[in-house]
């Protein structure tokens, strides 16, 4: 376990790396730049992360995991509050938080950067997928399994249904933002309306008979 002082230095490095990589791209950034911005020595930087490649992977993993952890924590609390009965409210809340997280400008920049470097760093794509879409599907699968077991929905394959629902919500807004830039990100009201419409479409297909 790292000491508090070491944790502070590690956090400072990750913050500096985020600003540098997202601002200038991978190739334009040096370890000297990050050490200076973080206020640490190069020896400290290399001791914590080894190489620039390893620092980049650590940053991508940390950013995507933090975002997923926040959504998952809210999802768990939501399942407990809803008691598994109000399926629409539960799914709308969960998917609205997931969409907000994915469309966060920082994570959009990160996703674009990762896509640009996927040939050089295939492990980055795996990290983003595991902490992003895959965890989202796992969380949705758990919620849909609960609803099916309670007799609220007729879902023979909760995981397949979770994949359908995930991309019913994420597909259009995320594609627009990725290709057209941050200006194409829908407003909070537009995002909420989109999620509600997607969830209601999904529930109409899987309502209990």
Protein backbone atom coordinates (compact mmCIF):
# COMPACT_ATOMS: atom_id res chain seq x y z
CA UNK A 1 0.00 0.00 0.00
CA UNK A 2 1.31 3.45 -0.93
CA UNK A 3 1.93 6.04 1.75
CA UNK A 4 -0.31 9.13 1.76
CA UNK A 5 2.53 11.25 0.36
CA UNK A 6 3.08 8.74 -2.44
CA UNK A 7 -0.64 8.65 -3.20
CA UNK A 8 -0.70 12.45 -3.45
CA UNK A 9 2.22 12.38 -5.87
CA UNK A 10 0.59 9.66 -7.93
CA UNK A 11 -2.67 11.62 -8.09
CA UNK A 12 -0.75 14.77 -9.07
CA UNK A 13 0.98 12.89 -11.87
CA UNK A 14 -2.28 11.46 -13.18
CA UNK A 15 -3.89 14.91 -13.12
CA UNK A 16 -0.93 16.40 -14.99
CA UNK A 17 -0.94 13.51 -17.46
CA UNK A 18 -4.65 13.96 -18.11
CA UNK A 19 -4.24 17.64 -18.89
CA UNK A 20 -1.19 17.01 -21.08
CA UNK A 21 -2.41 14.00 -23.07
CA UNK A 22 -5.95 15.28 -23.60
CA UNK A 23 -4.67 18.73 -24.46
CA UNK A 24 -1.83 17.89 -26.84
CA UNK A 25 -2.12 14.20 -27.76
CA UNK A 26 0.15 11.32 -26.93
CA UNK A 27 3.11 12.05 -29.21
CA UNK A 28 3.47 15.71 -28.27
CA UNK A 29 3.84 15.03 -24.53
CA UNK A 30 7.09 14.11 -22.80
CA UNK A 31 7.76 12.71 -19.36
CA UNK A 32 9.64 15.93 -18.60
CA UNK A 33 6.45 17.89 -19.32
CA UNK A 34 4.42 15.75 -16.95
CA UNK A 35 6.99 15.75 -14.16
CA UNK A 36 7.21 19.53 -14.30
CA UNK A 37 3.44 20.02 -14.35
CA UNK A 38 2.96 17.57 -11.46
CA UNK A 39 5.73 19.12 -9.39
CA UNK A 40 7.63 15.86 -9.00
CA UNK A 41 11.06 14.68 -10.04
CA UNK A 42 11.54 12.48 -13.09
CA UNK A 43 12.84 9.79 -10.74
CA UNK A 44 9.55 9.85 -8.84
CA UNK A 45 7.59 9.77 -12.08
CA UNK A 46 9.47 6.75 -13.42
CA UNK A 47 9.30 5.01 -10.04
CA UNK A 48 5.50 5.19 -10.06
CA UNK A 49 4.78 4.50 -13.73
CA UNK A 50 7.90 3.13 -15.41
CA UNK A 51 7.45 4.50 -18.91
CA UNK A 52 5.34 6.99 -20.82
CA UNK A 53 3.42 4.10 -22.35
CA UNK A 54 2.63 2.67 -18.92
CA UNK A 55 1.59 6.09 -17.63
CA UNK A 56 -0.78 6.51 -20.56
CA UNK A 57 -2.36 3.11 -19.92
CA UNK A 58 -2.67 3.88 -16.19
CA UNK A 59 -4.39 7.20 -16.96
CA UNK A 60 -6.90 5.67 -19.37
CA UNK A 61 -7.70 2.88 -16.92
CA UNK A 62 -8.08 5.28 -13.97
CA UNK A 63 -10.35 7.70 -15.82
CA UNK A 64 -12.69 5.05 -17.21
CA UNK A 65 -12.80 3.12 -13.94
CA UNK A 66 -13.64 6.23 -11.88
CA UNK A 67 -16.52 7.09 -14.19
CA UNK A 68 -17.85 3.53 -14.14
CA UNK A 69 -17.50 3.26 -10.35
CA UNK A 70 -19.58 6.41 -9.83
CA UNK A 71 -22.38 5.13 -12.08
CA UNK A 72 -22.28 1.67 -10.49
CA UNK A 73 -22.49 3.07 -6.96
CA UNK A 74 -25.59 5.07 -7.89
CA UNK A 75 -27.06 2.06 -9.67
CA UNK A 76 -26.67 -0.12 -6.57
CA UNK A 77 -28.31 2.53 -4.39
CA UNK A 78 -31.09 2.90 -6.94
CA UNK A 79 -31.83 -0.83 -6.93
CA UNK A 80 -32.12 -0.74 -3.15
CA UNK A 81 -34.39 2.33 -3.13
CA UNK A 82 -36.63 1.10 -5.94
CA UNK A 83 -37.01 -2.31 -4.36
CA UNK A 84 -37.15 -3.81 -7.84
CA UNK A 85 -40.73 -2.56 -8.44
CA UNK A 86 -40.53 0.68 -10.47
CA UNK A 87 -38.64 -0.65 -13.47
CA UNK A 88 -38.99 2.40 -15.71
CA UNK A 89 -37.77 4.84 -13.07
CA UNK A 90 -34.87 2.57 -12.16
CA UNK A 91 -33.74 2.08 -15.77
CA UNK A 92 -34.16 5.74 -16.71
CA UNK A 93 -32.08 6.81 -13.72
CA UNK A 94 -29.33 4.29 -14.44
CA UNK A 95 -29.13 4.97 -18.17
CA UNK A 96 -29.32 8.73 -17.75
CA UNK A 97 -26.27 8.59 -15.46
CA UNK A 98 -24.44 6.32 -17.88
CA UNK A 99 -25.17 8.61 -20.83
CA UNK A 100 -24.06 11.67 -18.84
CA UNK A 101 -20.80 9.91 -17.97
CA UNK A 102 -20.07 8.82 -21.53
CA UNK A 103 -20.78 12.31 -22.89
CA UNK A 104 -18.58 14.07 -20.34
CA UNK A 105 -16.18 16.21 -22.42
CA UNK A 106 -13.13 14.74 -20.70
CA UNK A 107 -14.18 11.18 -21.46
CA UNK A 108 -15.07 12.07 -25.03
CA UNK A 109 -11.57 13.47 -25.51
CA UNK A 110 -10.13 10.35 -23.93
CA UNK A 111 -12.18 8.06 -26.17
CA UNK A 112 -11.05 9.94 -29.28
CA UNK A 113 -7.45 9.76 -28.14
CA UNK A 114 -7.68 6.03 -27.44
CA UNK A 115 -9.21 5.34 -30.84
CA UNK A 116 -6.35 7.23 -32.46
CA UNK A 117 -3.79 5.14 -30.58
CA UNK A 118 -5.53 1.76 -30.70
CA UNK A 119 -3.02 0.22 -33.11
CA UNK A 120 -0.10 1.18 -30.91
CA UNK A 121 -1.86 0.42 -27.60
CA UNK A 122 -4.50 -2.30 -28.08
CA UNK A 123 -4.66 -2.74 -24.30
CA UNK A 124 -6.18 0.74 -24.05
CA UNK A 125 -9.19 -0.28 -26.10
CA UNK A 126 -9.63 -3.30 -23.82
CA UNK A 127 -9.46 -1.09 -20.72
CA UNK A 128 -12.04 1.35 -22.06
CA UNK A 129 -14.32 -1.50 -23.16
CA UNK A 130 -14.05 -3.37 -19.86
CA UNK A 131 -14.72 -0.33 -17.67
CA UNK A 132 -17.19 1.30 -20.06
CA UNK A 133 -19.57 -0.68 -22.31
CA UNK A 134 -18.93 -4.05 -20.66
CA UNK A 135 -19.59 -2.80 -17.11
CA UNK A 136 -22.65 -0.91 -18.34
CA UNK A 137 -24.05 -4.09 -19.86
CA UNK A 138 -23.28 -6.07 -16.70
CA UNK A 139 -25.10 -3.50 -14.56
CA UNK A 140 -28.10 -3.47 -16.89
CA UNK A 141 -28.12 -7.27 -16.98
CA UNK A 142 -28.40 -7.38 -13.18
CA UNK A 143 -31.28 -4.88 -13.18
CA UNK A 144 -33.15 -6.73 -15.94
CA UNK A 145 -32.58 -10.08 -14.23
CA UNK A 146 -34.15 -8.66 -11.06
CA UNK A 147 -37.17 -7.42 -13.04
CA UNK A 148 -37.58 -10.73 -14.87
CA UNK A 149 -37.35 -12.76 -11.67
CA UNK A 150 -39.96 -10.49 -10.07
CA UNK A 151 -42.30 -11.15 -12.99
CA UNK A 152 -42.25 -7.51 -14.07
CA UNK A 153 -40.70 -8.16 -17.48
CA UNK A 154 -40.62 -11.14 -19.85
CA UNK A 155 -36.90 -11.40 -20.70
CA UNK A 156 -35.59 -14.87 -21.65
CA UNK A 157 -32.02 -13.58 -22.10
CA UNK A 158 -31.29 -10.58 -19.82
CA UNK A 159 -27.77 -10.06 -21.16
CA UNK A 160 -28.89 -9.90 -24.79
CA UNK A 161 -31.66 -7.51 -23.76
CA UNK A 162 -29.16 -5.39 -21.81
CA UNK A 163 -26.97 -5.03 -24.90
CA UNK A 164 -30.01 -3.94 -26.93
CA UNK A 165 -31.06 -1.38 -24.33
CA UNK A 166 -27.54 -0.06 -23.83
CA UNK A 167 -27.08 0.76 -27.51
CA UNK A 168 -30.65 1.93 -27.96
CA UNK A 169 -29.71 4.68 -25.50
CA UNK A 170 -26.04 5.23 -26.33
CA UNK A 171 -25.85 4.78 -30.09
CA UNK A 172 -27.05 8.06 -31.60
CA UNK A 173 -25.85 10.56 -28.95
CA UNK A 174 -22.40 8.99 -28.65
CA UNK A 175 -21.90 8.68 -32.42
CA UNK A 176 -22.88 12.31 -32.94
CA UNK A 177 -20.53 13.51 -30.22
CA UNK A 178 -17.64 11.38 -31.44
CA UNK A 179 -17.91 12.45 -35.08
CA UNK A 180 -19.28 15.99 -34.79
CA UNK A 181 -17.54 17.18 -31.61
CA UNK A 182 -18.62 18.43 -28.21
CA UNK A 183 -21.01 20.97 -29.75
CA UNK A 184 -23.16 18.03 -30.88
CA UNK A 185 -23.67 16.76 -27.31
CA UNK A 186 -27.39 17.08 -26.52
CA UNK A 187 -28.56 19.23 -23.62
CA UNK A 188 -29.49 17.72 -20.28
CA UNK A 189 -33.19 17.99 -21.13
CA UNK A 190 -32.63 16.39 -24.55
CA UNK A 191 -30.61 13.56 -23.02
CA UNK A 192 -33.30 12.84 -20.46
CA UNK A 193 -36.06 12.82 -23.07
CA UNK A 194 -34.00 10.50 -25.25
CA UNK A 195 -33.42 8.06 -22.38
CA UNK A 196 -37.10 8.04 -21.39
CA UNK A 197 -38.18 7.34 -24.97
CA UNK A 198 -35.61 4.55 -25.37
CA UNK A 199 -36.57 2.88 -22.08
CA UNK A 200 -40.28 3.02 -22.90
CA UNK A 201 -39.64 1.51 -26.33
CA UNK A 202 -37.61 -1.25 -24.70
CA UNK A 203 -40.22 -1.95 -22.00
CA UNK A 204 -42.98 -2.17 -24.60
CA UNK A 205 -41.05 -5.00 -26.26
CA UNK A 206 -40.38 -6.89 -23.02
CA UNK A 207 -43.50 -6.24 -20.93
CA UNK A 208 -44.77 -9.24 -19.00
CA UNK A 209 -47.55 -11.05 -20.85
